Amino acid sequence: MKQIFDLKEWPDAQAVECEGDVEGIASSIIVCKTDDGYAAYLNVCPHAGRRLDWAPGQFLVSAEKLLVCAAHGASFEMAKGECLAGPCRGESLLPVPIRVEGDYIYLEE
Protein backbone atom coordinates (compact mmCIF):
# COMPACT_ATOMS: atom_id res chain seq x y z
CA MET A 1 0.00 0.00 0.00
CA LYS A 2 1.17 3.50 -0.80
CA GLN A 3 0.06 6.56 1.17
CA ILE A 4 -1.53 9.11 -1.17
CA PHE A 5 -3.08 11.63 1.22
CA ASP A 6 -2.81 12.90 4.80
CA LEU A 7 -6.35 13.64 6.03
CA LYS A 8 -5.00 16.28 8.43
CA GLU A 9 -4.23 18.33 5.29
CA TRP A 10 -7.73 18.00 3.75
CA PRO A 11 -8.74 21.44 2.47
CA ASP A 12 -12.20 22.97 2.72
CA ALA A 13 -13.33 21.06 -0.38
CA GLN A 14 -15.38 18.00 -1.31
CA ALA A 15 -12.75 16.59 -3.65
CA VAL A 16 -8.96 16.63 -3.90
CA GLU A 17 -6.43 15.38 -6.41
CA CYS A 18 -3.79 12.83 -5.50
CA GLU A 19 -1.13 11.16 -7.61
CA GLY A 20 -0.53 7.44 -7.59
CA ASP A 21 0.28 4.41 -9.70
CA VAL A 22 -2.85 2.65 -10.90
CA GLU A 23 -2.06 -0.68 -12.59
CA GLY A 24 1.54 0.49 -13.02
CA ILE A 25 0.64 3.83 -14.63
CA ALA A 26 1.21 7.20 -12.94
CA SER A 27 -2.30 8.63 -12.64
CA SER A 28 -4.28 11.60 -11.39
CA ILE A 29 -6.77 10.38 -8.78
CA ILE A 30 -9.81 12.22 -7.42
CA VAL A 31 -10.59 11.52 -3.77
CA CYS A 32 -14.11 12.59 -2.77
CA LYS A 33 -15.39 13.15 0.75
CA THR A 34 -18.77 11.41 1.02
CA ASP A 35 -21.35 10.98 3.77
CA ASP A 36 -19.94 7.48 4.41
CA GLY A 37 -16.22 8.26 4.18
CA TYR A 38 -14.13 8.59 1.03
CA ALA A 39 -14.25 7.34 -2.54
CA ALA A 40 -11.57 7.56 -5.24
CA TYR A 41 -11.67 7.60 -9.04
CA LEU A 42 -9.36 8.15 -11.96
CA ASN A 43 -9.47 11.82 -12.93
CA VAL A 44 -10.91 10.98 -16.37
CA CYS A 45 -14.42 11.78 -17.60
CA PRO A 46 -15.94 8.80 -19.45
CA HIS A 47 -17.51 11.16 -22.01
CA ALA A 48 -14.38 12.45 -23.73
CA GLY A 49 -11.45 11.09 -21.73
CA ARG A 50 -10.54 14.53 -20.35
CA ARG A 51 -9.71 15.46 -16.79
CA LEU A 52 -12.61 16.64 -14.63
CA ASP A 53 -10.80 19.49 -12.86
CA TRP A 54 -11.09 23.06 -14.19
CA ALA A 55 -7.54 23.80 -13.02
CA PRO A 56 -5.03 21.29 -11.62
CA GLY A 57 -6.58 19.84 -8.46
CA GLN A 58 -9.56 22.24 -8.51
CA PHE A 59 -12.94 20.52 -8.87
CA LEU A 60 -16.44 21.88 -9.35
CA VAL A 61 -19.02 20.52 -6.90
CA SER A 62 -22.68 21.42 -7.33
CA ALA A 63 -25.05 22.49 -4.55
CA GLU A 64 -26.38 18.91 -4.70
CA LYS A 65 -22.84 17.66 -3.95
CA LEU A 66 -22.29 16.26 -7.44
CA LEU A 67 -18.80 16.28 -8.94
CA VAL A 68 -19.07 18.24 -12.21
CA CYS A 69 -16.79 17.79 -15.23
CA ALA A 70 -15.42 21.22 -16.12
CA ALA A 71 -15.26 20.40 -19.85
CA HIS A 72 -18.82 19.23 -20.62
CA GLY A 73 -20.81 19.52 -17.40
CA ALA A 74 -21.33 15.82 -16.71
CA SER A 75 -22.40 15.45 -13.06
CA PHE A 76 -21.26 12.49 -10.98
CA GLU A 77 -22.53 11.13 -7.68
CA MET A 78 -19.44 11.18 -5.46
CA ALA A 79 -20.01 7.99 -3.44
CA LYS A 80 -20.55 5.72 -6.46
CA GLY A 81 -19.08 7.67 -9.41
CA GLU A 82 -22.23 7.31 -11.53
CA CYS A 83 -23.03 10.07 -14.03
CA LEU A 84 -26.50 11.39 -13.19
CA ALA A 85 -26.66 14.21 -15.77
CA GLY A 86 -24.82 15.29 -18.88
CA PRO A 87 -23.43 13.68 -22.02
CA CYS A 88 -22.36 10.42 -20.36
CA ARG A 89 -25.46 9.81 -18.22
CA GLY A 90 -25.51 6.24 -16.92
CA GLU A 91 -21.74 5.74 -17.29
CA SER A 92 -19.40 5.87 -14.32
CA LEU A 93 -16.00 7.13 -13.27
CA LEU A 94 -13.41 4.36 -12.92
CA PRO A 95 -13.02 3.55 -9.21
CA VAL A 96 -9.61 3.37 -7.58
CA PRO A 97 -9.34 1.13 -4.50
CA ILE A 98 -8.29 3.02 -1.39
CA ARG A 99 -8.14 2.30 2.32
CA VAL A 100 -8.39 4.80 5.16
CA GLU A 101 -6.28 4.01 8.20
CA GLY A 102 -6.05 6.56 10.96
CA ASP A 103 -5.32 9.95 9.37
CA TYR A 104 -4.11 8.58 6.03
CA ILE A 105 -5.55 7.40 2.74
CA TYR A 106 -3.66 4.57 1.09
CA LEU A 107 -3.83 3.34 -2.48
CA GLU A 108 -4.53 -0.37 -2.44
CA GLU A 109 -2.46 -2.52 -4.76
Foldseek 3Di string as FASTA:
>chain_A
DAFFDFQVPDDPDQWWWTWDADVNRIFIKIWGQDPVGIWIFTQADPQPRDGQAPDHGHWDADPVRWTARPPWGFTADGVFQAGCDTDRHGDGTHTFDWDDDDRTIGGDD
